[in-house]
Amino acid sequence: MARLSRNYGPRVARPRLRVSDPNRRAPFISVTSPTRGRSQALRPMNARQSRRMPSQPLILIVDDDDDTRELYVTSLAFWGFGAIAAADRAQASRRALESHPDIVVTDLTLSGGDGWQLIQDFKREARTRHIPVVLLTGHAEPQLRERAEREGCAAFFVKPCLPDELAAELRQVLDRTIEHERVPASR
């Protein structure tokens, strides 16, 4: 018989997440299953593996707020993504070139330039122009959504955004990207 919690429902054990130093190139994220007690390590895949079959796609989270970065890195790891973080435009560019993420999720307000400049940097660089960009911002103006579409963003979210909603949209973006790569270019 299952033990009952105070509200007389079954007691639910939740997995515990532990994130190593977020400044490392590829953070080590450990998920411990409360029922089995074993720890399973999740690491980002290398670029060749993630391009073919992203069983654990790598997401680059760019936000100047430490708590927001930590929230989304931890939550996306729980939802089966590899996640790395950057605090500003320069760090985001470096991490994208080093790690080859499958998607970049960025805020519009960044130190060292805004999110629009980051998107333009990615579109100019041959090694990053194929990476879909998702905007996650606290600004809800309709003209920003329209500009995001013009700039080629894959999706637009207004904060606060629940991590499970973001994870679901990231999977849809990945599906569209993989499907687009499979269709041969017409000449």
Protein backbone atom coordinates (compact mmCIF):
# COMPACT_ATOMS: atom_id res chain seq x y z
CA MET A 1 0.00 0.00 0.00
CA ALA A 2 1.34 3.40 -0.97
CA ARG A 3 2.10 5.86 1.80
CA LEU A 4 -0.26 8.80 1.86
CA SER A 5 0.83 12.40 2.15
CA ARG A 6 -0.88 14.98 4.31
CA ASN A 7 -3.48 15.76 1.68
CA TYR A 8 -4.31 12.01 1.57
CA GLY A 9 -3.03 11.59 -1.97
CA PRO A 10 -0.24 9.18 -2.88
CA ARG A 11 3.22 10.47 -2.08
CA VAL A 12 5.03 11.39 -5.28
CA ALA A 13 8.80 11.22 -5.41
CA ARG A 14 10.34 13.88 -7.63
CA PRO A 15 13.68 13.59 -9.41
CA ARG A 16 16.45 15.78 -8.05
CA LEU A 17 18.55 17.83 -10.46
CA ARG A 18 22.07 18.98 -9.73
CA VAL A 19 23.93 21.31 -12.10
CA SER A 20 27.69 21.70 -11.98
CA ASP A 21 29.50 24.97 -12.53
CA PRO A 22 27.41 26.79 -15.21
CA ASN A 23 30.55 28.54 -16.51
CA ARG A 24 32.03 25.28 -17.79
CA ARG A 25 31.86 24.73 -21.54
CA ALA A 26 29.41 21.84 -21.19
CA PRO A 27 27.73 21.74 -17.79
CA PHE A 28 27.36 18.35 -16.21
CA ILE A 29 23.80 17.73 -15.09
CA SER A 30 22.98 14.83 -12.85
CA VAL A 31 19.45 13.50 -12.45
CA THR A 32 18.80 11.21 -9.49
CA SER A 33 15.76 9.01 -9.60
CA PRO A 34 14.16 8.91 -6.14
CA THR A 35 12.70 5.45 -6.70
CA ARG A 36 15.88 3.79 -7.92
CA GLY A 37 18.45 5.95 -6.16
CA ARG A 38 20.78 5.82 -9.17
CA SER A 39 22.25 8.86 -10.81
CA GLN A 40 22.12 9.31 -14.56
CA ALA A 41 24.46 11.79 -16.21
CA LEU A 42 23.18 13.99 -19.01
CA ARG A 43 25.69 15.68 -21.29
CA PRO A 44 25.30 17.68 -24.48
CA MET A 45 25.92 15.73 -27.68
CA ASN A 46 28.63 16.72 -30.12
CA ALA A 47 27.72 18.58 -33.30
CA ARG A 48 27.77 15.57 -35.63
CA GLN A 49 25.44 13.50 -33.47
CA SER A 50 22.98 16.31 -32.79
CA ARG A 51 22.64 17.22 -36.48
CA ARG A 52 21.65 13.67 -37.45
CA MET A 53 19.39 12.51 -34.64
CA PRO A 54 18.91 14.90 -31.76
CA SER A 55 17.90 12.44 -29.05
CA GLN A 56 19.21 15.03 -26.59
CA PRO A 57 19.28 18.33 -28.47
CA LEU A 58 21.60 21.04 -27.20
CA ILE A 59 19.97 24.38 -26.35
CA LEU A 60 21.90 27.61 -25.74
CA ILE A 61 20.08 29.88 -23.26
CA VAL A 62 21.12 33.55 -23.50
CA ASP A 63 19.86 35.82 -20.73
CA ASP A 64 21.50 38.43 -18.53
CA ASP A 65 19.55 37.30 -15.44
CA ASP A 66 21.29 34.49 -13.50
CA ASP A 67 18.07 33.06 -12.06
CA THR A 68 16.37 32.89 -15.45
CA ARG A 69 19.35 31.09 -17.00
CA GLU A 70 19.48 28.59 -14.15
CA LEU A 71 15.72 27.98 -14.27
CA TYR A 72 15.67 27.18 -17.99
CA VAL A 73 18.91 25.16 -18.01
CA THR A 74 17.67 22.97 -15.16
CA SER A 75 14.13 22.65 -16.51
CA LEU A 76 15.22 21.83 -20.06
CA ALA A 77 17.57 19.16 -18.68
CA PHE A 78 14.59 17.65 -16.90
CA TRP A 79 12.64 17.64 -20.20
CA GLY A 80 15.44 15.77 -21.99
CA PHE A 81 17.49 18.58 -23.51
CA GLY A 82 21.14 19.37 -23.09
CA ALA A 83 21.46 23.02 -22.11
CA ILE A 84 24.27 25.53 -21.83
CA ALA A 85 24.01 29.19 -20.86
CA ALA A 86 25.50 32.54 -21.77
CA ALA A 87 25.06 35.87 -20.02
CA ASP A 88 25.80 38.29 -22.87
CA ARG A 89 26.19 38.65 -26.61
CA ALA A 90 29.95 37.95 -26.75
CA GLN A 91 29.70 34.87 -24.55
CA ALA A 92 26.74 33.60 -26.60
CA SER A 93 28.70 33.90 -29.85
CA ARG A 94 31.67 32.04 -28.36
CA ARG A 95 29.53 29.25 -26.92
CA ALA A 96 27.61 28.83 -30.18
CA LEU A 97 30.84 28.44 -32.16
CA GLU A 98 32.31 26.03 -29.58
CA SER A 99 29.26 23.89 -28.83
CA HIS A 100 27.15 23.94 -32.03
CA PRO A 101 23.74 24.16 -30.31
CA ASP A 102 20.61 22.92 -32.08
CA ILE A 103 18.59 25.98 -30.96
CA VAL A 104 19.41 29.34 -29.35
CA VAL A 105 16.89 30.84 -26.90
CA THR A 106 17.65 34.50 -26.25
CA ASP A 107 16.27 37.47 -24.40
CA LEU A 108 16.13 40.86 -26.11
CA THR A 109 17.74 42.73 -23.23
CA LEU A 110 21.39 41.70 -22.92
CA SER A 111 24.55 43.32 -21.67
CA GLY A 112 27.01 44.06 -24.47
CA GLY A 113 24.26 44.54 -27.05
CA ASP A 114 20.67 43.50 -27.49
CA GLY A 115 19.12 40.28 -28.73
CA TRP A 116 18.53 41.75 -32.20
CA GLN A 117 22.27 42.29 -32.61
CA LEU A 118 22.91 38.72 -31.50
CA ILE A 119 20.45 37.40 -34.10
CA GLN A 120 22.15 39.48 -36.80
CA ASP A 121 25.57 38.18 -35.68
CA PHE A 122 24.30 34.60 -35.99
CA LYS A 123 22.82 35.23 -39.45
CA ARG A 124 26.08 36.80 -40.72
CA GLU A 125 28.32 33.96 -39.47
CA ALA A 126 28.31 30.94 -41.81
CA ARG A 127 28.81 28.49 -38.92
CA THR A 128 25.74 29.72 -37.00
CA ARG A 129 23.25 30.93 -39.63
CA HIS A 130 21.50 27.53 -39.74
CA ILE A 131 20.74 27.58 -35.98
CA PRO A 132 17.08 28.44 -35.22
CA VAL A 133 16.65 31.33 -32.76
CA VAL A 134 13.77 31.53 -30.29
CA LEU A 135 13.05 34.86 -28.57
CA LEU A 136 12.07 34.74 -24.91
CA THR A 137 11.48 38.28 -23.68
CA GLY A 138 9.59 40.32 -21.14
CA HIS A 139 8.43 42.73 -23.85
CA ALA A 140 4.95 41.96 -25.19
CA GLU A 141 4.56 44.61 -27.89
CA PRO A 142 3.00 43.30 -31.15
CA GLN A 143 5.64 45.06 -33.27
CA LEU A 144 8.35 42.97 -31.58
CA ARG A 145 6.61 39.77 -32.62
CA GLU A 146 6.38 41.09 -36.19
CA ARG A 147 10.07 42.06 -36.20
CA ALA A 148 10.97 38.61 -34.86
CA GLU A 149 9.21 37.05 -37.84
CA ARG A 150 11.04 39.41 -40.24
CA GLU A 151 14.39 38.57 -38.60
CA GLY A 152 13.72 34.86 -39.12
CA CYS A 153 13.12 33.79 -35.52
CA ALA A 154 11.62 30.33 -35.14
CA ALA A 155 9.36 31.29 -32.20
CA PHE A 156 8.53 34.18 -29.86
CA PHE A 157 7.66 33.86 -26.16
CA VAL A 158 6.76 36.48 -23.58
CA LYS A 159 8.06 36.01 -20.03
CA PRO A 160 7.01 34.56 -17.75
CA CYS A 161 6.94 31.41 -19.82
CA LEU A 162 6.48 28.01 -18.23
CA PRO A 163 9.44 25.71 -18.93
CA ASP A 164 7.21 22.87 -20.15
CA GLU A 165 5.63 25.20 -22.75
CA LEU A 166 9.08 26.27 -23.91
CA ALA A 167 10.23 22.63 -24.09
CA ALA A 168 7.19 21.69 -26.20
CA GLU A 169 7.82 24.56 -28.62
CA LEU A 170 11.54 23.70 -28.84
CA ARG A 171 10.60 20.14 -29.87
CA GLN A 172 8.33 21.56 -32.60
CA VAL A 173 11.12 23.84 -33.83
CA LEU A 174 13.48 20.86 -33.93
CA ASP A 175 10.93 18.79 -35.85
CA ARG A 176 10.51 21.58 -38.41
CA THR A 177 14.29 21.98 -38.72
CA ILE A 178 14.88 18.26 -39.23
CA GLU A 179 12.05 18.07 -41.75
CA HIS A 180 13.47 21.09 -43.62
CA GLU A 181 16.94 19.46 -43.75
CA ARG A 182 15.44 16.27 -45.22
CA VAL A 183 13.68 18.07 -48.09
CA PRO A 184 16.13 18.47 -50.99
CA ALA A 185 16.63 22.03 -52.16
CA SER A 186 14.90 22.74 -55.47
CA ARG A 187 16.92 24.52 -58.14
